[in-house]
C-alpha atoms as a PDB file:
ATOM      1  CA  MET A   1      92.511 162.284  15.994  1.00  0.00           C
ATOM      2  CA  ASP A   2      92.808 165.706  15.359  1.00  0.00           C
ATOM      3  CA  ARG A   3      92.863 168.670  17.900  1.00  0.00           C
ATOM      4  CA  THR A   4      89.730 169.669  17.447  1.00  0.00           C
ATOM      5  CA  LYS A   5      88.030 166.266  18.266  1.00  0.00           C
ATOM      6  CA  HIS A   6      90.374 166.132  21.785  1.00  0.00           C
ATOM      7  CA  LEU A   7      89.607 169.558  22.680  1.00  0.00           C
ATOM      8  CA  ALA A   8      85.635 168.624  21.745  1.00  0.00           C
ATOM      9  CA  CYS A   9      86.079 164.865  23.859  1.00  0.00           C
ATOM     10  CA  ALA A  10      87.256 167.955  26.260  1.00  0.00           C
ATOM     11  CA  ASP A  11      84.104 170.442  26.558  1.00  0.00           C
ATOM     12  CA  GLU A  12      82.135 167.128  26.496  1.00  0.00           C
ATOM     13  CA  ALA A  13      83.872 165.264  29.056  1.00  0.00           C
ATOM     14  CA  LEU A  14      84.403 168.344  32.038  1.00  0.00           C
ATOM     15  CA  ARG A  15      80.638 168.286  31.102  1.00  0.00           C
ATOM     16  CA  LYS A  16      79.894 165.038  32.410  1.00  0.00           C
ATOM     17  CA  ALA A  17      82.117 165.968  35.434  1.00  0.00           C
ATOM     18  CA  GLU A  18      80.781 169.172  36.424  1.00  0.00           C
ATOM     19  CA  ASN A  19      77.154 167.579  35.935  1.00  0.00           C
ATOM     20  CA  LEU A  20      78.496 164.713  38.485  1.00  0.00           C
ATOM     21  CA  ALA A  21      80.062 166.890  40.770  1.00  0.00           C
ATOM     22  CA  GLY A  22      76.520 168.762  41.832  1.00  0.00           C
ATOM     23  CA  ASP A  23      74.984 165.642  41.636  1.00  0.00           C
ATOM     24  CA  ALA A  24      77.418 164.149  44.192  1.00  0.00           C
ATOM     25  CA  GLU A  25      77.076 167.902  46.293  1.00  0.00           C
ATOM     26  CA  ASP A  26      73.454 167.133  46.337  1.00  0.00           C
ATOM     27  CA  ALA A  27      73.654 163.633  46.976  1.00  0.00           C
ATOM     28  CA  ALA A  28      75.719 164.767  50.078  1.00  0.00           C
ATOM     29  CA  ARG A  29      73.376 166.870  51.485  1.00  0.00           C
ATOM     30  CA  SER A  30      70.540 164.617  51.034  1.00  0.00           C
ATOM     31  CA  LEU A  31      69.905 162.656  54.224  1.00  0.00           C
ATOM     32  CA  ASP A  32      68.284 159.729  51.857  1.00  0.00           C
ATOM     33  CA  HIS A  33      71.335 159.572  49.432  1.00  0.00           C
ATOM     34  CA  ARG A  34      74.606 161.130  51.426  1.00  0.00           C
ATOM     35  CA  HIS A  35      75.827 157.633  50.493  1.00  0.00           C
ATOM     36  CA  LYS A  36      75.824 157.839  46.904  1.00  0.00           C
ATOM     37  CA  ALA A  37      78.262 161.024  47.365  1.00  0.00           C
ATOM     38  CA  GLU A  38      81.160 159.506  47.537  1.00  0.00           C
ATOM     39  CA  PRO A  39      80.688 157.202  44.274  1.00  0.00           C
ATOM     40  CA  LEU A  40      79.567 160.408  42.161  1.00  0.00           C
ATOM     41  CA  ALA A  41      81.890 162.635  42.950  1.00  0.00           C
ATOM     42  CA  ALA A  42      85.106 159.301  42.099  1.00  0.00           C
ATOM     43  CA  ALA A  43      83.093 159.460  38.758  1.00  0.00           C
ATOM     44  CA  GLY A  44      83.346 163.517  38.380  1.00  0.00           C
ATOM     45  CA  ALA A  45      87.236 163.141  39.120  1.00  0.00           C
ATOM     46  CA  LEU A  46      87.394 160.618  36.540  1.00  0.00           C
ATOM     47  CA  TRP A  47      85.590 162.199  33.374  1.00  0.00           C
ATOM     48  CA  ALA A  48      87.750 165.115  35.522  1.00  0.00           C
ATOM     49  CA  SER A  49      91.167 163.667  34.397  1.00  0.00           C
ATOM     50  CA  ILE A  50      90.020 162.572  30.828  1.00  0.00           C
ATOM     51  CA  ALA A  51      89.246 165.548  30.213  1.00  0.00           C
ATOM     52  CA  ARG A  52      92.505 167.267  31.433  1.00  0.00           C
ATOM     53  CA  THR A  53      94.195 164.318  28.799  1.00  0.00           C
ATOM     54  CA  HIS A  54      92.011 164.990  26.304  1.00  0.00           C
ATOM     55  CA  THR A  55      93.780 169.115  26.688  1.00  0.00           C
ATOM     56  CA  ALA A  56      96.946 167.820  27.290  1.00  0.00           C
ATOM     57  CA  ILE A  57      96.816 165.998  24.144  1.00  0.00           C
ATOM     58  CA  ALA A  58      95.165 168.612  21.958  1.00  0.00           C
ATOM     59  CA  ARG A  59      97.536 170.929  23.756  1.00  0.00           C
ATOM     60  CA  ALA A  60     100.686 168.655  21.744  1.00  0.00           C
ATOM     61  CA  LEU A  61      99.008 168.854  18.873  1.00  0.00           C
ATOM     62  CA  THR A  62      99.942 171.295  15.464  1.00  0.00           C
ATOM     63  CA  GLU A  63      96.255 173.714  15.358  1.00  0.00           C
ATOM     64  CA  THR A  64      94.546 172.087  12.008  1.00  0.00           C
ATOM     65  CA  GLU A  65      95.002 174.229   9.107  1.00  0.00           C
ATOM     66  CA  PRO A  66      91.819 175.243   7.846  1.00  0.00           C
ATOM     67  CA  ALA A  67      90.190 173.479   4.476  1.00  0.00           C
ATOM     68  CA  ASP A  68      90.338 175.612   0.835  1.00  0.00           C
ATOM     69  CA  GLY A  69      87.238 175.978  -0.410  1.00  0.00           C
END
């Protein structure tokens, strides 16, 4: 996997983390769904960690050379 693909995976993981954080916040505010807040937040934290990992790998790789032609 090259640097560009790692950055794309980081972007996707960050999007998932943001969505789950929003879902966790909504669940925490709801009396009927409050029990879902903690697992949603944990899943969001996992996706945030995945995003950080892909970003760190991309940072360690050299920039992808543009293709000729």
